[in-house]
Amino acid sequence: EVSSLVRDFAALFRSPQFAHLENFAEVLVGDGTKFNCDRHTALLRARLLIVQLERAMLDTVSGEWPYYKDELIAELAPIWVSALERPGT
């Protein structure tokens, strides 16, 4: 079931309405040298983080998010840094 969902979502994200994910990830990662992983993995992580942020913002706007936006930012910032930044920087 999970494989099926991943395959179906992959097709959805290839649609033009999700082209921004690629662009945002490219801007975030750049040449990839500032991250603690290879560029391919950094792009994968960036895309996952962007989708996570978009979902949280959708829930926030719809009133379904039970926390304040400031809390969201305070928690997401260190998660993003730990996922992408080179250790010790």
PDB file of N, CA and C in Angstrom:
ATOM      1  N   GLU A   1       0.824  -1.203   0.000  1.00  0.00           N
ATOM      2  CA  GLU A   1       0.000   0.000   0.000  1.00  0.00           C
ATOM      3  C   GLU A   1       0.859   1.254   0.000  1.00  0.00           C
ATOM      4  N   VAL A   2       1.920   1.240   0.804  1.00  0.00           N
ATOM      5  CA  VAL A   2       2.806   2.402   0.852  1.00  0.00           C
ATOM      6  C   VAL A   2       3.479   2.607  -0.501  1.00  0.00           C
ATOM      7  N   SER A   3       3.941   1.524  -1.105  1.00  0.00           N
ATOM      8  CA  SER A   3       4.574   1.632  -2.429  1.00  0.00           C
ATOM      9  C   SER A   3       3.608   2.217  -3.444  1.00  0.00           C
ATOM     10  N   SER A   4       2.368   1.792  -3.382  1.00  0.00           N
ATOM     11  CA  SER A   4       1.354   2.311  -4.293  1.00  0.00           C
ATOM     12  C   SER A   4       1.141   3.804  -4.071  1.00  0.00           C
ATOM     13  N   LEU A   5       1.049   4.211  -2.808  1.00  0.00           N
ATOM     14  CA  LEU A   5       0.883   5.630  -2.510  1.00  0.00           C
ATOM     15  C   LEU A   5       2.066   6.442  -3.001  1.00  0.00           C
ATOM     16  N   VAL A   6       3.267   5.947  -2.763  1.00  0.00           N
ATOM     17  CA  VAL A   6       4.464   6.660  -3.211  1.00  0.00           C
ATOM     18  C   VAL A   6       4.450   6.799  -4.729  1.00  0.00           C
ATOM     19  N   ARG A   7       4.113   5.729  -5.430  1.00  0.00           N
ATOM     20  CA  ARG A   7       4.057   5.764  -6.895  1.00  0.00           C
ATOM     21  C   ARG A   7       2.996   6.762  -7.369  1.00  0.00           C
ATOM     22  N   ASP A   8       1.823   6.728  -6.762  1.00  0.00           N
ATOM     23  CA  ASP A   8       0.749   7.635  -7.160  1.00  0.00           C
ATOM     24  C   ASP A   8       1.101   9.090  -6.863  1.00  0.00           C
ATOM     25  N   PHE A   9       1.676   9.327  -5.703  1.00  0.00           N
ATOM     26  CA  PHE A   9       2.070  10.694  -5.365  1.00  0.00           C
ATOM     27  C   PHE A   9       3.197  11.171  -6.271  1.00  0.00           C
ATOM     28  N   ALA A  10       4.107  10.274  -6.636  1.00  0.00           N
ATOM     29  CA  ALA A  10       5.198  10.655  -7.533  1.00  0.00           C
ATOM     30  C   ALA A  10       4.630  11.162  -8.859  1.00  0.00           C
ATOM     31  N   ALA A  11       3.623  10.477  -9.385  1.00  0.00           N
ATOM     32  CA  ALA A  11       2.991  10.917 -10.631  1.00  0.00           C
ATOM     33  C   ALA A  11       2.328  12.272 -10.442  1.00  0.00           C
ATOM     34  N   LEU A  12       1.684  12.469  -9.313  1.00  0.00           N
ATOM     35  CA  LEU A  12       1.031  13.744  -9.031  1.00  0.00           C
ATOM     36  C   LEU A  12       2.054  14.870  -8.980  1.00  0.00           C
ATOM     37  N   PHE A  13       3.183  14.629  -8.315  1.00  0.00           N
ATOM     38  CA  PHE A  13       4.181  15.674  -8.154  1.00  0.00           C
ATOM     39  C   PHE A  13       4.926  15.979  -9.448  1.00  0.00           C
ATOM     40  N   ARG A  14       4.826  15.121 -10.443  1.00  0.00           N
ATOM     41  CA  ARG A  14       5.423  15.413 -11.744  1.00  0.00           C
ATOM     42  C   ARG A  14       4.522  16.322 -12.571  1.00  0.00           C
ATOM     43  N   SER A  15       3.306  16.542 -12.106  1.00  0.00           N
ATOM     44  CA  SER A  15       2.389  17.385 -12.856  1.00  0.00           C
ATOM     45  C   SER A  15       2.838  18.843 -12.778  1.00  0.00           C
ATOM     46  N   PRO A  16       2.440  19.655 -13.754  1.00  0.00           N
ATOM     47  CA  PRO A  16       2.881  21.055 -13.795  1.00  0.00           C
ATOM     48  C   PRO A  16       2.558  21.853 -12.529  1.00  0.00           C
ATOM     49  N   GLN A  17       1.480  21.517 -11.849  1.00  0.00           N
ATOM     50  CA  GLN A  17       1.119  22.285 -10.663  1.00  0.00           C
ATOM     51  C   GLN A  17       2.129  22.124  -9.533  1.00  0.00           C
ATOM     52  N   PHE A  18       2.985  21.109  -9.606  1.00  0.00           N
ATOM     53  CA  PHE A  18       3.986  20.893  -8.572  1.00  0.00           C
ATOM     54  C   PHE A  18       5.403  21.195  -9.054  1.00  0.00           C
ATOM     55  N   ALA A  19       5.536  21.847 -10.197  1.00  0.00           N
ATOM     56  CA  ALA A  19       6.859  22.192 -10.729  1.00  0.00           C
ATOM     57  C   ALA A  19       7.630  23.088  -9.772  1.00  0.00           C
ATOM     58  N   HIS A  20       6.915  23.859  -8.972  1.00  0.00           N
ATOM     59  CA  HIS A  20       7.594  24.758  -8.031  1.00  0.00           C
ATOM     60  C   HIS A  20       8.452  23.999  -7.029  1.00  0.00           C
ATOM     61  N   LEU A  21       8.095  22.758  -6.712  1.00  0.00           N
ATOM     62  CA  LEU A  21       8.899  21.974  -5.765  1.00  0.00           C
ATOM     63  C   LEU A  21      10.332  21.834  -6.256  1.00  0.00           C
ATOM     64  N   GLU A  22      10.467  21.522  -7.534  1.00  0.00           N
ATOM     65  CA  GLU A  22      11.802  21.383  -8.116  1.00  0.00           C
ATOM     66  C   GLU A  22      12.550  22.710  -8.042  1.00  0.00           C
ATOM     67  N   ASN A  23      11.867  23.787  -8.403  1.00  0.00           N
ATOM     68  CA  ASN A  23      12.512  25.107  -8.392  1.00  0.00           C
ATOM     69  C   ASN A  23      12.911  25.522  -6.979  1.00  0.00           C
ATOM     70  N   PHE A  24      12.034  25.360  -6.012  1.00  0.00           N
ATOM     71  CA  PHE A  24      12.347  25.718  -4.629  1.00  0.00           C
ATOM     72  C   PHE A  24      13.514  24.887  -4.113  1.00  0.00           C
ATOM     73  N   ALA A  25      13.500  23.583  -4.399  1.00  0.00           N
ATOM     74  CA  ALA A  25      14.578  22.709  -3.938  1.00  0.00           C
ATOM     75  C   ALA A  25      15.907  23.127  -4.559  1.00  0.00           C
ATOM     76  N   GLU A  26      15.904  23.435  -5.834  1.00  0.00           N
ATOM     77  CA  GLU A  26      17.129  23.870  -6.507  1.00  0.00           C
ATOM     78  C   GLU A  26      17.683  25.148  -5.872  1.00  0.00           C
ATOM     79  N   VAL A  27      16.817  26.092  -5.585  1.00  0.00           N
ATOM     80  CA  VAL A  27      17.262  27.340  -4.949  1.00  0.00           C
ATOM     81  C   VAL A  27      17.814  27.060  -3.558  1.00  0.00           C
ATOM     82  N   LEU A  28      17.132  26.240  -2.803  1.00  0.00           N
ATOM     83  CA  LEU A  28      17.547  25.927  -1.439  1.00  0.00           C
ATOM     84  C   LEU A  28      18.895  25.195  -1.418  1.00  0.00           C
ATOM     85  N   VAL A  29      19.077  24.259  -2.305  1.00  0.00           N
ATOM     86  CA  VAL A  29      20.273  23.423  -2.295  1.00  0.00           C
ATOM     87  C   VAL A  29      21.445  24.058  -3.044  1.00  0.00           C
ATOM     88  N   GLY A  30      21.150  24.777  -4.124  1.00  0.00           N
ATOM     89  CA  GLY A  30      22.240  25.350  -4.916  1.00  0.00           C
ATOM     90  C   GLY A  30      23.158  24.268  -5.447  1.00  0.00           C
ATOM     91  N   ASP A  31      24.469  24.457  -5.294  1.00  0.00           N
ATOM     92  CA  ASP A  31      25.404  23.444  -5.796  1.00  0.00           C
ATOM     93  C   ASP A  31      25.567  22.274  -4.830  1.00  0.00           C
ATOM     94  N   GLY A  32      24.970  22.379  -3.650  1.00  0.00           N
ATOM     95  CA  GLY A  32      24.964  21.281  -2.696  1.00  0.00           C
ATOM     96  C   GLY A  32      26.171  21.188  -1.789  1.00  0.00           C
ATOM     97  N   THR A  33      27.156  22.037  -1.985  1.00  0.00           N
ATOM     98  CA  THR A  33      28.394  21.924  -1.215  1.00  0.00           C
ATOM     99  C   THR A  33      28.247  22.314   0.247  1.00  0.00           C
ATOM    100  N   LYS A  34      27.197  23.018   0.590  1.00  0.00           N
ATOM    101  CA  LYS A  34      27.053  23.439   1.987  1.00  0.00           C
ATOM    102  C   LYS A  34      26.272  22.441   2.838  1.00  0.00           C
ATOM    103  N   PHE A  35      25.919  21.286   2.273  1.00  0.00           N
ATOM    104  CA  PHE A  35      25.115  20.327   2.998  1.00  0.00           C
ATOM    105  C   PHE A  35      25.901  19.094   3.415  1.00  0.00           C
ATOM    106  N   ASN A  36      25.360  18.380   4.394  1.00  0.00           N
ATOM    107  CA  ASN A  36      26.052  17.230   4.978  1.00  0.00           C
ATOM    108  C   ASN A  36      25.812  15.935   4.218  1.00  0.00           C
ATOM    109  N   CYS A  37      25.454  16.059   2.952  1.00  0.00           N
ATOM    110  CA  CYS A  37      25.167  14.890   2.133  1.00  0.00           C
ATOM    111  C   CYS A  37      25.442  15.259   0.680  1.00  0.00           C
ATOM    112  N   ASP A  38      25.358  14.278  -0.207  1.00  0.00           N
ATOM    113  CA  ASP A  38      25.555  14.584  -1.620  1.00  0.00           C
ATOM    114  C   ASP A  38      24.381  15.402  -2.140  1.00  0.00           C
ATOM    115  N   ARG A  39      24.563  16.026  -3.298  1.00  0.00           N
ATOM    116  CA  ARG A  39      23.547  16.929  -3.850  1.00  0.00           C
ATOM    117  C   ARG A  39      22.217  16.213  -4.097  1.00  0.00           C
ATOM    118  N   HIS A  40      22.265  14.993  -4.582  1.00  0.00           N
ATOM    119  CA  HIS A  40      21.043  14.220  -4.826  1.00  0.00           C
ATOM    120  C   HIS A  40      20.230  14.078  -3.535  1.00  0.00           C
ATOM    121  N   THR A  41      20.892  13.699  -2.457  1.00  0.00           N
ATOM    122  CA  THR A  41      20.217  13.526  -1.169  1.00  0.00           C
ATOM    123  C   THR A  41      19.733  14.858  -0.633  1.00  0.00           C
ATOM    124  N   ALA A  42      20.532  15.911  -0.815  1.00  0.00           N
ATOM    125  CA  ALA A  42      20.111  17.243  -0.367  1.00  0.00           C
ATOM    126  C   ALA A  42      18.843  17.681  -1.092  1.00  0.00           C
ATOM    127  N   LEU A  43      18.761  17.422  -2.390  1.00  0.00           N
ATOM    128  CA  LEU A  43      17.544  17.768  -3.143  1.00  0.00           C
ATOM    129  C   LEU A  43      16.350  16.959  -2.659  1.00  0.00           C
ATOM    130  N   LEU A  44      16.570  15.677  -2.397  1.00  0.00           N
ATOM    131  CA  LEU A  44      15.491  14.835  -1.862  1.00  0.00           C
ATOM    132  C   LEU A  44      15.001  15.377  -0.531  1.00  0.00           C
ATOM    133  N   ARG A  45      15.936  15.679   0.370  1.00  0.00           N
ATOM    134  CA  ARG A  45      15.563  16.217   1.676  1.00  0.00           C
ATOM    135  C   ARG A  45      14.863  17.561   1.536  1.00  0.00           C
ATOM    136  N   ALA A  46      15.358  18.408   0.661  1.00  0.00           N
ATOM    137  CA  ALA A  46      14.739  19.724   0.460  1.00  0.00           C
ATOM    138  C   ALA A  46      13.299  19.576  -0.016  1.00  0.00           C
ATOM    139  N   ARG A  47      13.079  18.698  -0.975  1.00  0.00           N
ATOM    140  CA  ARG A  47      11.712  18.486  -1.470  1.00  0.00           C
ATOM    141  C   ARG A  47      10.794  17.982  -0.354  1.00  0.00           C
ATOM    142  N   LEU A  48      11.284  17.046   0.440  1.00  0.00           N
ATOM    143  CA  LEU A  48      10.477  16.528   1.550  1.00  0.00           C
ATOM    144  C   LEU A  48      10.170  17.633   2.561  1.00  0.00           C
ATOM    145  N   LEU A  49      11.161  18.450   2.863  1.00  0.00           N
ATOM    146  CA  LEU A  49      10.950  19.534   3.817  1.00  0.00           C
ATOM    147  C   LEU A  49       9.971  20.572   3.285  1.00  0.00           C
ATOM    148  N   ILE A  50      10.069  20.876   1.992  1.00  0.00           N
ATOM    149  CA  ILE A  50       9.148  21.849   1.389  1.00  0.00           C
ATOM    150  C   ILE A  50       7.715  21.326   1.432  1.00  0.00           C
ATOM    151  N   VAL A  51       7.538  20.048   1.102  1.00  0.00           N
ATOM    152  CA  VAL A  51       6.198  19.449   1.160  1.00  0.00           C
ATOM    153  C   VAL A  51       5.670  19.484   2.589  1.00  0.00           C
ATOM    154  N   GLN A  52       6.531  19.193   3.553  1.00  0.00           N
ATOM    155  CA  GLN A  52       6.138  19.252   4.960  1.00  0.00           C
ATOM    156  C   GLN A  52       5.678  20.661   5.328  1.00  0.00           C
ATOM    157  N   LEU A  53       6.433  21.655   4.917  1.00  0.00           N
ATOM    158  CA  LEU A  53       6.069  23.046   5.203  1.00  0.00           C
ATOM    159  C   LEU A  53       4.759  23.415   4.525  1.00  0.00           C
ATOM    160  N   GLU A  54       4.607  23.029   3.262  1.00  0.00           N
ATOM    161  CA  GLU A  54       3.361  23.340   2.553  1.00  0.00           C
ATOM    162  C   GLU A  54       2.160  22.723   3.251  1.00  0.00           C
ATOM    163  N   ARG A  55       2.290  21.498   3.704  1.00  0.00           N
ATOM    164  CA  ARG A  55       1.176  20.839   4.392  1.00  0.00           C
ATOM    165  C   ARG A  55       0.844  21.563   5.694  1.00  0.00           C
ATOM    166  N   ALA A  56       1.867  21.924   6.439  1.00  0.00           N
ATOM    167  CA  ALA A  56       1.639  22.639   7.687  1.00  0.00           C
ATOM    168  C   ALA A  56       0.982  23.991   7.421  1.00  0.00           C
ATOM    169  N   MET A  57       1.413  24.684   6.372  1.00  0.00           N
ATOM    170  CA  MET A  57       0.819  25.977   6.057  1.00  0.00           C
ATOM    171  C   MET A  57      -0.634  25.813   5.594  1.00  0.00           C
ATOM    172  N   LEU A  58      -0.917  24.762   4.833  1.00  0.00           N
ATOM    173  CA  LEU A  58      -2.297  24.481   4.423  1.00  0.00           C
ATOM    174  C   LEU A  58      -3.178  24.268   5.647  1.00  0.00           C
ATOM    175  N   ASP A  59      -2.686  23.480   6.583  1.00  0.00           N
ATOM    176  CA  ASP A  59      -3.440  23.248   7.815  1.00  0.00           C
ATOM    177  C   ASP A  59      -3.602  24.529   8.620  1.00  0.00           C
ATOM    178  N   THR A  60      -2.569  25.370   8.621  1.00  0.00           N
ATOM    179  CA  THR A  60      -2.635  26.639   9.353  1.00  0.00           C
ATOM    180  C   THR A  60      -3.698  27.551   8.748  1.00  0.00           C
ATOM    181  N   VAL A  61      -3.663  27.696   7.438  1.00  0.00           N
ATOM    182  CA  VAL A  61      -4.618  28.574   6.748  1.00  0.00           C
ATOM    183  C   VAL A  61      -6.043  28.060   6.897  1.00  0.00           C
ATOM    184  N   SER A  62      -6.220  26.743   6.881  1.00  0.00           N
ATOM    185  CA  SER A  62      -7.563  26.171   6.980  1.00  0.00           C
ATOM    186  C   SER A  62      -8.085  26.158   8.418  1.00  0.00           C
ATOM    187  N   GLY A  63      -7.226  26.512   9.376  1.00  0.00           N
ATOM    188  CA  GLY A  63      -7.637  26.529  10.768  1.00  0.00           C
ATOM    189  C   GLY A  63      -7.488  25.186  11.467  1.00  0.00           C
ATOM    190  N   GLU A  64      -6.914  24.201  10.775  1.00  0.00           N
ATOM    191  CA  GLU A  64      -6.759  22.864  11.338  1.00  0.00           C
ATOM    192  C   GLU A  64      -5.472  22.699  12.145  1.00  0.00           C
ATOM    193  N   TRP A  65      -4.571  23.658  12.045  1.00  0.00           N
ATOM    194  CA  TRP A  65      -3.296  23.571  12.752  1.00  0.00           C
ATOM    195  C   TRP A  65      -3.490  24.100  14.164  1.00  0.00           C
ATOM    196  N   PRO A  66      -3.269  23.289  15.186  1.00  0.00           N
ATOM    197  CA  PRO A  66      -3.570  23.710  16.557  1.00  0.00           C
ATOM    198  C   PRO A  66      -2.471  24.538  17.231  1.00  0.00           C
ATOM    199  N   TYR A  67      -1.475  24.989  16.445  1.00  0.00           N
ATOM    200  CA  TYR A  67      -0.367  25.743  17.021  1.00  0.00           C
ATOM    201  C   TYR A  67      -0.232  27.090  16.315  1.00  0.00           C
ATOM    202  N   TYR A  68       0.503  27.986  16.914  1.00  0.00           N
ATOM    203  CA  TYR A  68       0.749  29.294  16.309  1.00  0.00           C
ATOM    204  C   TYR A  68       1.818  29.182  15.225  1.00  0.00           C
ATOM    205  N   LYS A  69       1.771  30.089  14.246  1.00  0.00           N
ATOM    206  CA  LYS A  69       2.767  30.093  13.174  1.00  0.00           C
ATOM    207  C   LYS A  69       4.175  30.254  13.732  1.00  0.00           C
ATOM    208  N   ASP A  70       4.325  31.068  14.760  1.00  0.00           N
ATOM    209  CA  ASP A  70       5.652  31.258  15.359  1.00  0.00           C
ATOM    210  C   ASP A  70       6.194  29.943  15.909  1.00  0.00           C
ATOM    211  N   GLU A  71       5.312  29.116  16.472  1.00  0.00           N
ATOM    212  CA  GLU A  71       5.742  27.810  16.972  1.00  0.00           C
ATOM    213  C   GLU A  71       6.174  26.912  15.816  1.00  0.00           C
ATOM    214  N   LEU A  72       5.437  26.972  14.736  1.00  0.00           N
ATOM    215  CA  LEU A  72       5.766  26.195  13.549  1.00  0.00           C
ATOM    216  C   LEU A  72       7.159  26.568  13.062  1.00  0.00           C
ATOM    217  N   ILE A  73       7.431  27.853  12.951  1.00  0.00           N
ATOM    218  CA  ILE A  73       8.738  28.315  12.481  1.00  0.00           C
ATOM    219  C   ILE A  73       9.833  27.922  13.463  1.00  0.00           C
ATOM    220  N   ALA A  74       9.571  28.094  14.750  1.00  0.00           N
ATOM    221  CA  ALA A  74      10.577  27.770  15.764  1.00  0.00           C
ATOM    222  C   ALA A  74      10.960  26.296  15.744  1.00  0.00           C
ATOM    223  N   GLU A  75      10.026  25.433  15.428  1.00  0.00           N
ATOM    224  CA  GLU A  75      10.317  23.999  15.392  1.00  0.00           C
ATOM    225  C   GLU A  75      10.885  23.554  14.045  1.00  0.00           C
ATOM    226  N   LEU A  76      10.372  24.119  12.960  1.00  0.00           N
ATOM    227  CA  LEU A  76      10.839  23.700  11.644  1.00  0.00           C
ATOM    228  C   LEU A  76      12.259  24.164  11.353  1.00  0.00           C
ATOM    229  N   ALA A  77      12.629  25.351  11.812  1.00  0.00           N
ATOM    230  CA  ALA A  77      13.962  25.882  11.501  1.00  0.00           C
ATOM    231  C   ALA A  77      15.078  24.929  11.921  1.00  0.00           C
ATOM    232  N   PRO A  78      15.111  24.449  13.170  1.00  0.00           N
ATOM    233  CA  PRO A  78      16.201  23.532  13.528  1.00  0.00           C
ATOM    234  C   PRO A  78      16.109  22.179  12.820  1.00  0.00           C
ATOM    235  N   ILE A  79      14.910  21.749  12.472  1.00  0.00           N
ATOM    236  CA  ILE A  79      14.763  20.494  11.729  1.00  0.00           C
ATOM    237  C   ILE A  79      15.387  20.649  10.348  1.00  0.00           C
ATOM    238  N   TRP A  80      15.094  21.768   9.679  1.00  0.00           N
ATOM    239  CA  TRP A  80      15.658  22.012   8.349  1.00  0.00           C
ATOM    240  C   TRP A  80      17.174  22.108   8.429  1.00  0.00           C
ATOM    241  N   VAL A  81      17.674  22.833   9.412  1.00  0.00           N
ATOM    242  CA  VAL A  81      19.123  23.003   9.527  1.00  0.00           C
ATOM    243  C   VAL A  81      19.791  21.659   9.766  1.00  0.00           C
ATOM    244  N   SER A  82      19.245  20.850  10.655  1.00  0.00           N
ATOM    245  CA  SER A  82      19.876  19.559  10.939  1.00  0.00           C
ATOM    246  C   SER A  82      19.786  18.611   9.747  1.00  0.00           C
ATOM    247  N   ALA A  83      18.765  18.749   8.934  1.00  0.00           N
ATOM    248  CA  ALA A  83      18.613  17.888   7.773  1.00  0.00           C
ATOM    249  C   ALA A  83      19.537  18.281   6.621  1.00  0.00           C
ATOM    250  N   LEU A  84      19.890  19.568   6.561  1.00  0.00           N
ATOM    251  CA  LEU A  84      20.620  20.047   5.395  1.00  0.00           C
ATOM    252  C   LEU A  84      22.019  20.575   5.673  1.00  0.00           C
ATOM    253  N   GLU A  85      22.272  21.106   6.837  1.00  0.00           N
ATOM    254  CA  GLU A  85      23.544  21.769   7.078  1.00  0.00           C
ATOM    255  C   GLU A  85      24.656  20.777   7.427  1.00  0.00           C
ATOM    256  N   ARG A  86      25.845  21.116   7.023  1.00  0.00           N
ATOM    257  CA  ARG A  86      27.003  20.281   7.332  1.00  0.00           C
ATOM    258  C   ARG A  86      27.219  20.261   8.846  1.00  0.00           C
ATOM    259  N   PRO A  87      27.475  19.094   9.433  1.00  0.00           N
ATOM    260  CA  PRO A  87      27.690  19.034  10.888  1.00  0.00           C
ATOM    261  C   PRO A  87      28.843  19.933  11.317  1.00  0.00           C
ATOM    262  N   GLY A  88      28.685  20.557  12.468  1.00  0.00           N
ATOM    263  CA  GLY A  88      29.734  21.408  13.017  1.00  0.00           C
ATOM    264  C   GLY A  88      29.757  22.815  12.465  1.00  0.00           C
ATOM    265  N   THR A  89      28.738  23.184  11.641  1.00  0.00           N
ATOM    266  CA  THR A  89      28.727  24.548  11.102  1.00  0.00           C
ATOM    267  C   THR A  89      27.650  25.355  11.765  1.00  0.00           C
TER     268      THR A  89
END
